[in-house]
PDB file of N, CA and C in Angstrom:
ATOM      1  N   MET A   1       0.825  -1.184   0.000  1.00  0.00           N
ATOM      2  CA  MET A   1       0.000   0.000   0.000  1.00  0.00           C
ATOM      3  C   MET A   1       0.878   1.260   0.000  1.00  0.00           C
ATOM      4  N   GLY A   2       1.948   1.214   0.783  1.00  0.00           N
ATOM      5  CA  GLY A   2       2.849   2.365   0.846  1.00  0.00           C
ATOM      6  C   GLY A   2       3.558   2.601  -0.478  1.00  0.00           C
ATOM      7  N   VAL A   3       3.932   1.509  -1.158  1.00  0.00           N
ATOM      8  CA  VAL A   3       4.605   1.635  -2.459  1.00  0.00           C
ATOM      9  C   VAL A   3       3.651   2.236  -3.482  1.00  0.00           C
ATOM     10  N   LEU A   4       2.405   1.825  -3.438  1.00  0.00           N
ATOM     11  CA  LEU A   4       1.406   2.363  -4.357  1.00  0.00           C
ATOM     12  C   LEU A   4       1.197   3.859  -4.120  1.00  0.00           C
ATOM     13  N   PHE A   5       1.139   4.251  -2.852  1.00  0.00           N
ATOM     14  CA  PHE A   5       0.991   5.670  -2.522  1.00  0.00           C
ATOM     15  C   PHE A   5       2.202   6.469  -3.004  1.00  0.00           C
ATOM     16  N   PHE A   6       3.388   5.939  -2.773  1.00  0.00           N
ATOM     17  CA  PHE A   6       4.604   6.612  -3.217  1.00  0.00           C
ATOM     18  C   PHE A   6       4.641   6.749  -4.733  1.00  0.00           C
ATOM     19  N   LEU A   7       4.260   5.695  -5.439  1.00  0.00           N
ATOM     20  CA  LEU A   7       4.263   5.754  -6.907  1.00  0.00           C
ATOM     21  C   LEU A   7       3.218   6.738  -7.434  1.00  0.00           C
ATOM     22  N   SER A   8       2.083   6.851  -6.752  1.00  0.00           N
ATOM     23  CA  SER A   8       1.080   7.819  -7.188  1.00  0.00           C
ATOM     24  C   SER A   8       1.568   9.257  -6.969  1.00  0.00           C
ATOM     25  N   LEU A   9       2.243   9.489  -5.846  1.00  0.00           N
ATOM     26  CA  LEU A   9       2.825  10.820  -5.619  1.00  0.00           C
ATOM     27  C   LEU A   9       3.925  11.116  -6.632  1.00  0.00           C
ATOM     28  N   LEU A  10       4.713  10.132  -6.944  1.00  0.00           N
ATOM     29  CA  LEU A  10       5.777  10.292  -7.933  1.00  0.00           C
ATOM     30  C   LEU A  10       5.189  10.585  -9.316  1.00  0.00           C
ATOM     31  N   ALA A  11       4.109   9.909  -9.663  1.00  0.00           N
ATOM     32  CA  ALA A  11       3.456  10.160 -10.954  1.00  0.00           C
ATOM     33  C   ALA A  11       2.870  11.565 -11.000  1.00  0.00           C
ATOM     34  N   ALA A  12       2.254  12.014  -9.910  1.00  0.00           N
ATOM     35  CA  ALA A  12       1.690  13.369  -9.870  1.00  0.00           C
ATOM     36  C   ALA A  12       2.799  14.413 -10.010  1.00  0.00           C
ATOM     37  N   ALA A  13       3.917  14.198  -9.339  1.00  0.00           N
ATOM     38  CA  ALA A  13       5.043  15.127  -9.445  1.00  0.00           C
ATOM     39  C   ALA A  13       5.609  15.128 -10.857  1.00  0.00           C
ATOM     40  N   ALA A  14       5.654  13.959 -11.493  1.00  0.00           N
ATOM     41  CA  ALA A  14       6.167  13.873 -12.869  1.00  0.00           C
ATOM     42  C   ALA A  14       5.247  14.609 -13.837  1.00  0.00           C
ATOM     43  N   VAL A  15       3.945  14.495 -13.642  1.00  0.00           N
ATOM     44  CA  VAL A  15       2.998  15.214 -14.507  1.00  0.00           C
ATOM     45  C   VAL A  15       3.156  16.718 -14.327  1.00  0.00           C
ATOM     46  N   LEU A  16       3.275  17.175 -13.070  1.00  0.00           N
ATOM     47  CA  LEU A  16       3.479  18.610 -12.832  1.00  0.00           C
ATOM     48  C   LEU A  16       4.788  19.098 -13.450  1.00  0.00           C
ATOM     49  N   ALA A  17       5.853  18.310 -13.335  1.00  0.00           N
ATOM     50  CA  ALA A  17       7.131  18.695 -13.930  1.00  0.00           C
ATOM     51  C   ALA A  17       7.032  18.748 -15.451  1.00  0.00           C
ATOM     52  N   LEU A  18       6.302  17.816 -16.034  1.00  0.00           N
ATOM     53  CA  LEU A  18       6.122  17.816 -17.477  1.00  0.00           C
ATOM     54  C   LEU A  18       5.335  19.044 -17.936  1.00  0.00           C
ATOM     55  N   VAL A  19       4.262  19.362 -17.228  1.00  0.00           N
ATOM     56  CA  VAL A  19       3.465  20.550 -17.581  1.00  0.00           C
ATOM     57  C   VAL A  19       4.305  21.805 -17.441  1.00  0.00           C
ATOM     58  N   TRP A  20       5.080  21.904 -16.359  1.00  0.00           N
ATOM     59  CA  TRP A  20       5.914  23.086 -16.167  1.00  0.00           C
ATOM     60  C   TRP A  20       6.986  23.179 -17.252  1.00  0.00           C
ATOM     61  N   GLY A  21       7.558  22.043 -17.640  1.00  0.00           N
ATOM     62  CA  GLY A  21       8.579  22.052 -18.690  1.00  0.00           C
ATOM     63  C   GLY A  21       8.004  22.466 -20.040  1.00  0.00           C
ATOM     64  N   VAL A  22       6.827  21.952 -20.379  1.00  0.00           N
ATOM     65  CA  VAL A  22       6.188  22.342 -21.641  1.00  0.00           C
ATOM     66  C   VAL A  22       5.852  23.828 -21.613  1.00  0.00           C
ATOM     67  N   ARG A  23       5.389  24.306 -20.477  1.00  0.00           N
ATOM     68  CA  ARG A  23       5.076  25.737 -20.347  1.00  0.00           C
ATOM     69  C   ARG A  23       6.330  26.601 -20.515  1.00  0.00           C
ATOM     70  N   ALA A  24       7.426  26.186 -19.915  1.00  0.00           N
ATOM     71  CA  ALA A  24       8.679  26.934 -20.040  1.00  0.00           C
ATOM     72  C   ALA A  24       9.202  26.886 -21.472  1.00  0.00           C
ATOM     73  N   LEU A  25       9.080  25.740 -22.111  1.00  0.00           N
ATOM     74  CA  LEU A  25       9.506  25.623 -23.498  1.00  0.00           C
ATOM     75  C   LEU A  25       8.668  26.519 -24.409  1.00  0.00           C
ATOM     76  N   TRP A  26       7.370  26.539 -24.200  1.00  0.00           N
ATOM     77  CA  TRP A  26       6.495  27.390 -25.000  1.00  0.00           C
ATOM     78  C   TRP A  26       6.831  28.871 -24.788  1.00  0.00           C
ATOM     79  N   ALA A  27       7.111  29.248 -23.547  1.00  0.00           N
ATOM     80  CA  ALA A  27       7.479  30.638 -23.270  1.00  0.00           C
ATOM     81  C   ALA A  27       8.793  30.993 -23.964  1.00  0.00           C
ATOM     82  N   ARG A  28       9.727  30.076 -23.984  1.00  0.00           N
ATOM     83  CA  ARG A  28      11.006  30.334 -24.639  1.00  0.00           C
ATOM     84  C   ARG A  28      10.834  30.458 -26.152  1.00  0.00           C
ATOM     85  N   LEU A  29       9.980  29.612 -26.723  1.00  0.00           N
ATOM     86  CA  LEU A  29       9.750  29.667 -28.166  1.00  0.00           C
ATOM     87  C   LEU A  29       9.031  30.941 -28.593  1.00  0.00           C
ATOM     88  N   THR A  30       8.137  31.426 -27.768  1.00  0.00           N
ATOM     89  CA  THR A  30       7.385  32.642 -28.108  1.00  0.00           C
ATOM     90  C   THR A  30       8.089  33.907 -27.650  1.00  0.00           C
ATOM     91  N   GLY A  31       9.191  33.777 -26.914  1.00  0.00           N
ATOM     92  CA  GLY A  31       9.952  34.946 -26.484  1.00  0.00           C
ATOM     93  C   GLY A  31       9.387  35.640 -25.262  1.00  0.00           C
ATOM     94  N   ARG A  32       8.518  34.992 -24.560  1.00  0.00           N
ATOM     95  CA  ARG A  32       7.937  35.587 -23.348  1.00  0.00           C
ATOM     96  C   ARG A  32       8.707  35.105 -22.122  1.00  0.00           C
ATOM     97  N   PRO A  33       8.708  35.901 -21.052  1.00  0.00           N
ATOM     98  CA  PRO A  33       9.371  35.443 -19.824  1.00  0.00           C
ATOM     99  C   PRO A  33       8.543  34.341 -19.154  1.00  0.00           C
ATOM    100  N   VAL A  34       9.224  33.449 -18.494  1.00  0.00           N
ATOM    101  CA  VAL A  34       8.544  32.373 -17.775  1.00  0.00           C
ATOM    102  C   VAL A  34       8.141  32.904 -16.412  1.00  0.00           C
ATOM    103  N   MET A  35       6.849  32.964 -16.183  1.00  0.00           N
ATOM    104  CA  MET A  35       6.335  33.429 -14.890  1.00  0.00           C
ATOM    105  C   MET A  35       6.262  32.230 -13.941  1.00  0.00           C
ATOM    106  N   PRO A  36       6.767  32.387 -12.743  1.00  0.00           N
ATOM    107  CA  PRO A  36       6.707  31.258 -11.804  1.00  0.00           C
ATOM    108  C   PRO A  36       5.279  31.035 -11.307  1.00  0.00           C
ATOM    109  N   TRP A  37       5.009  29.781 -10.985  1.00  0.00           N
ATOM    110  CA  TRP A  37       3.727  29.479 -10.361  1.00  0.00           C
ATOM    111  C   TRP A  37       3.885  29.760  -8.885  1.00  0.00           C
ATOM    112  N   ALA A  38       3.169  30.738  -8.414  1.00  0.00           N
ATOM    113  CA  ALA A  38       3.266  31.087  -7.004  1.00  0.00           C
ATOM    114  C   ALA A  38       1.890  31.479  -6.500  1.00  0.00           C
ATOM    115  N   MET A  39       1.577  31.051  -5.306  1.00  0.00           N
ATOM    116  CA  MET A  39       0.326  31.455  -4.696  1.00  0.00           C
ATOM    117  C   MET A  39       0.635  32.667  -3.836  1.00  0.00           C
ATOM    118  N   ARG A  40       0.227  33.804  -4.296  1.00  0.00           N
ATOM    119  CA  ARG A  40       0.514  35.039  -3.575  1.00  0.00           C
ATOM    120  C   ARG A  40      -0.564  35.247  -2.517  1.00  0.00           C
ATOM    121  N   MET A  41      -0.207  34.960  -1.289  1.00  0.00           N
ATOM    122  CA  MET A  41      -1.155  35.101  -0.193  1.00  0.00           C
ATOM    123  C   MET A  41      -0.408  35.604   1.019  1.00  0.00           C
ATOM    124  N   SER A  42      -0.904  36.669   1.562  1.00  0.00           N
ATOM    125  CA  SER A  42      -0.294  37.224   2.754  1.00  0.00           C
ATOM    126  C   SER A  42      -1.157  36.846   3.962  1.00  0.00           C
ATOM    127  N   PRO A  43      -0.564  36.354   5.036  1.00  0.00           N
ATOM    128  CA  PRO A  43      -1.365  36.039   6.230  1.00  0.00           C
ATOM    129  C   PRO A  43      -2.094  37.269   6.765  1.00  0.00           C
ATOM    130  N   ARG A  44      -1.497  38.427   6.602  1.00  0.00           N
ATOM    131  CA  ARG A  44      -2.132  39.656   7.072  1.00  0.00           C
ATOM    132  C   ARG A  44      -3.423  39.923   6.303  1.00  0.00           C
ATOM    133  N   ASP A  45      -3.403  39.688   4.982  1.00  0.00           N
ATOM    134  CA  ASP A  45      -4.614  39.883   4.185  1.00  0.00           C
ATOM    135  C   ASP A  45      -5.698  38.889   4.573  1.00  0.00           C
ATOM    136  N   GLY A  46      -5.321  37.658   4.831  1.00  0.00           N
ATOM    137  CA  GLY A  46      -6.301  36.657   5.245  1.00  0.00           C
ATOM    138  C   GLY A  46      -6.940  37.021   6.568  1.00  0.00           C
ATOM    139  N   TRP A  47      -6.143  37.493   7.511  1.00  0.00           N
ATOM    140  CA  TRP A  47      -6.680  37.866   8.813  1.00  0.00           C
ATOM    141  C   TRP A  47      -7.629  39.045   8.680  1.00  0.00           C
ATOM    142  N   SER A  48      -7.260  40.044   7.890  1.00  0.00           N
ATOM    143  CA  SER A  48      -8.128  41.211   7.761  1.00  0.00           C
ATOM    144  C   SER A  48      -9.438  40.844   7.075  1.00  0.00           C
ATOM    145  N   THR A  49      -9.410  39.894   6.144  1.00  0.00           N
ATOM    146  CA  THR A  49     -10.641  39.443   5.502  1.00  0.00           C
ATOM    147  C   THR A  49     -11.567  38.790   6.518  1.00  0.00           C
ATOM    148  N   VAL A  50     -11.028  37.932   7.360  1.00  0.00           N
ATOM    149  CA  VAL A  50     -11.844  37.271   8.378  1.00  0.00           C
ATOM    150  C   VAL A  50     -12.340  38.292   9.394  1.00  0.00           C
ATOM    151  N   TYR A  51     -11.495  39.213   9.783  1.00  0.00           N
ATOM    152  CA  TYR A  51     -11.886  40.208  10.778  1.00  0.00           C
ATOM    153  C   TYR A  51     -13.015  41.083  10.250  1.00  0.00           C
ATOM    154  N   ARG A  52     -12.918  41.494   8.972  1.00  0.00           N
ATOM    155  CA  ARG A  52     -13.978  42.310   8.388  1.00  0.00           C
ATOM    156  C   ARG A  52     -15.276  41.528   8.264  1.00  0.00           C
ATOM    157  N   SER A  53     -15.198  40.239   7.934  1.00  0.00           N
ATOM    158  CA  SER A  53     -16.429  39.465   7.756  1.00  0.00           C
ATOM    159  C   SER A  53     -17.124  39.236   9.094  1.00  0.00           C
ATOM    160  N   THR A  54     -16.386  39.072  10.195  1.00  0.00           N
ATOM    161  CA  THR A  54     -17.056  38.912  11.488  1.00  0.00           C
ATOM    162  C   THR A  54     -17.698  40.217  11.919  1.00  0.00           C
ATOM    163  N   ALA A  55     -17.120  41.342  11.547  1.00  0.00           N
ATOM    164  CA  ALA A  55     -17.754  42.618  11.865  1.00  0.00           C
ATOM    165  C   ALA A  55     -19.091  42.729  11.141  1.00  0.00           C
ATOM    166  N   ARG A  56     -19.152  42.182   9.945  1.00  0.00           N
ATOM    167  CA  ARG A  56     -20.406  42.220   9.193  1.00  0.00           C
ATOM    168  C   ARG A  56     -21.450  41.318   9.840  1.00  0.00           C
ATOM    169  N   TRP A  57     -21.017  40.160  10.374  1.00  0.00           N
ATOM    170  CA  TRP A  57     -21.965  39.233  10.988  1.00  0.00           C
ATOM    171  C   TRP A  57     -22.533  39.784  12.293  1.00  0.00           C
ATOM    172  N   THR A  58     -21.715  40.503  13.057  1.00  0.00           N
ATOM    173  CA  THR A  58     -22.147  40.960  14.375  1.00  0.00           C
ATOM    174  C   THR A  58     -22.798  42.327  14.342  1.00  0.00           C
ATOM    175  N   ALA A  59     -22.737  43.025  13.229  1.00  0.00           N
ATOM    176  CA  ALA A  59     -23.349  44.349  13.143  1.00  0.00           C
ATOM    177  C   ALA A  59     -24.863  44.199  13.096  1.00  0.00           C
ATOM    178  N   PRO A  60     -25.594  45.080  13.786  1.00  0.00           N
ATOM    179  CA  PRO A  60     -27.054  45.004  13.723  1.00  0.00           C
ATOM    180  C   PRO A  60     -27.545  45.369  12.324  1.00  0.00           C
ATOM    181  N   SER A  61     -28.614  44.720  11.931  1.00  0.00           N
ATOM    182  CA  SER A  61     -29.155  44.973  10.596  1.00  0.00           C
ATOM    183  C   SER A  61     -29.830  46.332  10.552  1.00  0.00           C
ATOM    184  N   PRO A  62     -29.953  46.931   9.367  1.00  0.00           N
ATOM    185  CA  PRO A  62     -30.627  48.229   9.261  1.00  0.00           C
ATOM    186  C   PRO A  62     -32.073  48.177   9.740  1.00  0.00           C
ATOM    187  N   SER A  63     -32.771  47.053   9.553  1.00  0.00           N
ATOM    188  CA  SER A  63     -34.156  46.956  10.007  1.00  0.00           C
ATOM    189  C   SER A  63     -34.235  46.939  11.531  1.00  0.00           C
ATOM    190  N   ALA A  64     -33.242  46.319  12.191  1.00  0.00           N
ATOM    191  CA  ALA A  64     -33.225  46.305  13.654  1.00  0.00           C
ATOM    192  C   ALA A  64     -32.927  47.694  14.196  1.00  0.00           C
ATOM    193  N   ARG A  65     -32.055  48.429  13.509  1.00  0.00           N
ATOM    194  CA  ARG A  65     -31.761  49.790  13.941  1.00  0.00           C
ATOM    195  C   ARG A  65     -32.961  50.699  13.740  1.00  0.00           C
ATOM    196  N   ALA A  66     -33.728  50.476  12.674  1.00  0.00           N
ATOM    197  CA  ALA A  66     -34.913  51.299  12.407  1.00  0.00           C
ATOM    198  C   ALA A  66     -36.008  50.999  13.420  1.00  0.00           C
ATOM    199  N   ALA A  67     -36.107  49.753  13.895  1.00  0.00           N
ATOM    200  CA  ALA A  67     -37.128  49.387  14.868  1.00  0.00           C
ATOM    201  C   ALA A  67     -36.856  50.056  16.211  1.00  0.00           C
ATOM    202  N   GLN A  68     -35.590  50.250  16.545  1.00  0.00           N
ATOM    203  CA  GLN A  68     -35.265  50.911  17.804  1.00  0.00           C
ATOM    204  C   GLN A  68     -35.569  52.393  17.717  1.00  0.00           C
ATOM    205  N   GLY A  69     -35.504  52.936  16.552  1.00  0.00           N
ATOM    206  CA  GLY A  69     -35.785  54.359  16.386  1.00  0.00           C
ATOM    207  C   GLY A  69     -34.718  55.260  16.958  1.00  0.00           C
ATOM    208  N   GLY A  70     -33.573  54.710  17.264  1.00  0.00           N
ATOM    209  CA  GLY A  70     -32.487  55.533  17.787  1.00  0.00           C
ATOM    210  C   GLY A  70     -32.657  55.873  19.257  1.00  0.00           C
ATOM    211  N   ALA A  71     -33.703  55.353  19.920  1.00  0.00           N
ATOM    212  CA  ALA A  71     -33.932  55.658  21.332  1.00  0.00           C
ATOM    213  C   ALA A  71     -33.017  54.811  22.202  1.00  0.00           C
ATOM    214  N   ASP A  72     -32.688  55.344  23.381  1.00  0.00           N
ATOM    215  CA  ASP A  72     -31.882  54.590  24.331  1.00  0.00           C
ATOM    216  C   ASP A  72     -32.741  53.518  24.993  1.00  0.00           C
ATOM    217  N   VAL A  73     -32.100  52.452  25.434  1.00  0.00           N
ATOM    218  CA  VAL A  73     -32.790  51.386  26.144  1.00  0.00           C
ATOM    219  C   VAL A  73     -32.955  51.836  27.592  1.00  0.00           C
ATOM    220  N   THR A  74     -34.192  51.781  28.097  1.00  0.00           N
ATOM    221  CA  THR A  74     -34.447  52.294  29.449  1.00  0.00           C
ATOM    222  C   THR A  74     -34.868  51.214  30.433  1.00  0.00           C
ATOM    223  N   ASP A  75     -35.056  49.963  30.004  1.00  0.00           N
ATOM    224  CA  ASP A  75     -35.523  48.927  30.912  1.00  0.00           C
ATOM    225  C   ASP A  75     -34.390  48.106  31.515  1.00  0.00           C
ATOM    226  N   VAL A  76     -33.193  48.644  31.539  1.00  0.00           N
ATOM    227  CA  VAL A  76     -32.038  47.941  32.082  1.00  0.00           C
ATOM    228  C   VAL A  76     -31.628  48.613  33.381  1.00  0.00           C
ATOM    229  N   VAL A  77     -31.442  47.790  34.416  1.00  0.00           N
ATOM    230  CA  VAL A  77     -31.000  48.313  35.694  1.00  0.00           C
ATOM    231  C   VAL A  77     -29.499  48.162  35.795  1.00  0.00           C
ATOM    232  N   PRO A  78     -28.741  49.251  35.908  1.00  0.00           N
ATOM    233  CA  PRO A  78     -27.276  49.133  35.963  1.00  0.00           C
ATOM    234  C   PRO A  78     -26.842  48.526  37.302  1.00  0.00           C
ATOM    235  N   ARG A  79     -25.755  47.744  37.233  1.00  0.00           N
ATOM    236  CA  ARG A  79     -25.163  47.148  38.430  1.00  0.00           C
ATOM    237  C   ARG A  79     -23.766  47.685  38.614  1.00  0.00           C
ATOM    238  N   GLU A  80     -23.292  47.595  39.824  1.00  0.00           N
ATOM    239  CA  GLU A  80     -21.934  48.041  40.109  1.00  0.00           C
ATOM    240  C   GLU A  80     -20.941  47.013  39.577  1.00  0.00           C
ATOM    241  N   VAL A  81     -19.794  47.488  39.088  1.00  0.00           N
ATOM    242  CA  VAL A  81     -18.734  46.615  38.601  1.00  0.00           C
ATOM    243  C   VAL A  81     -17.905  46.180  39.799  1.00  0.00           C
ATOM    244  N   ARG A  82     -17.680  44.891  39.926  1.00  0.00           N
ATOM    245  CA  ARG A  82     -16.905  44.388  41.061  1.00  0.00           C
ATOM    246  C   ARG A  82     -15.449  44.372  40.774  1.00  0.00           C
TER     247      ARG A  82
END
């Protein structure tokens, strides 16, 4: 089972290498630069995307804000902070 898994990974790597080689050869024949395959992802951008989406989930909807009418809540009894 392990040999089969290794051979399948080896075959997948060989196919990727073949595709990359054909792509590089085509770029050389057409005179274009070979652009590397890279996943451009910044962890900072991912975090800000998640942070912005949670702000959208927790924000009150416009209909809920309209129902309140902008009035303060008066049925809450404040307690002392311990």
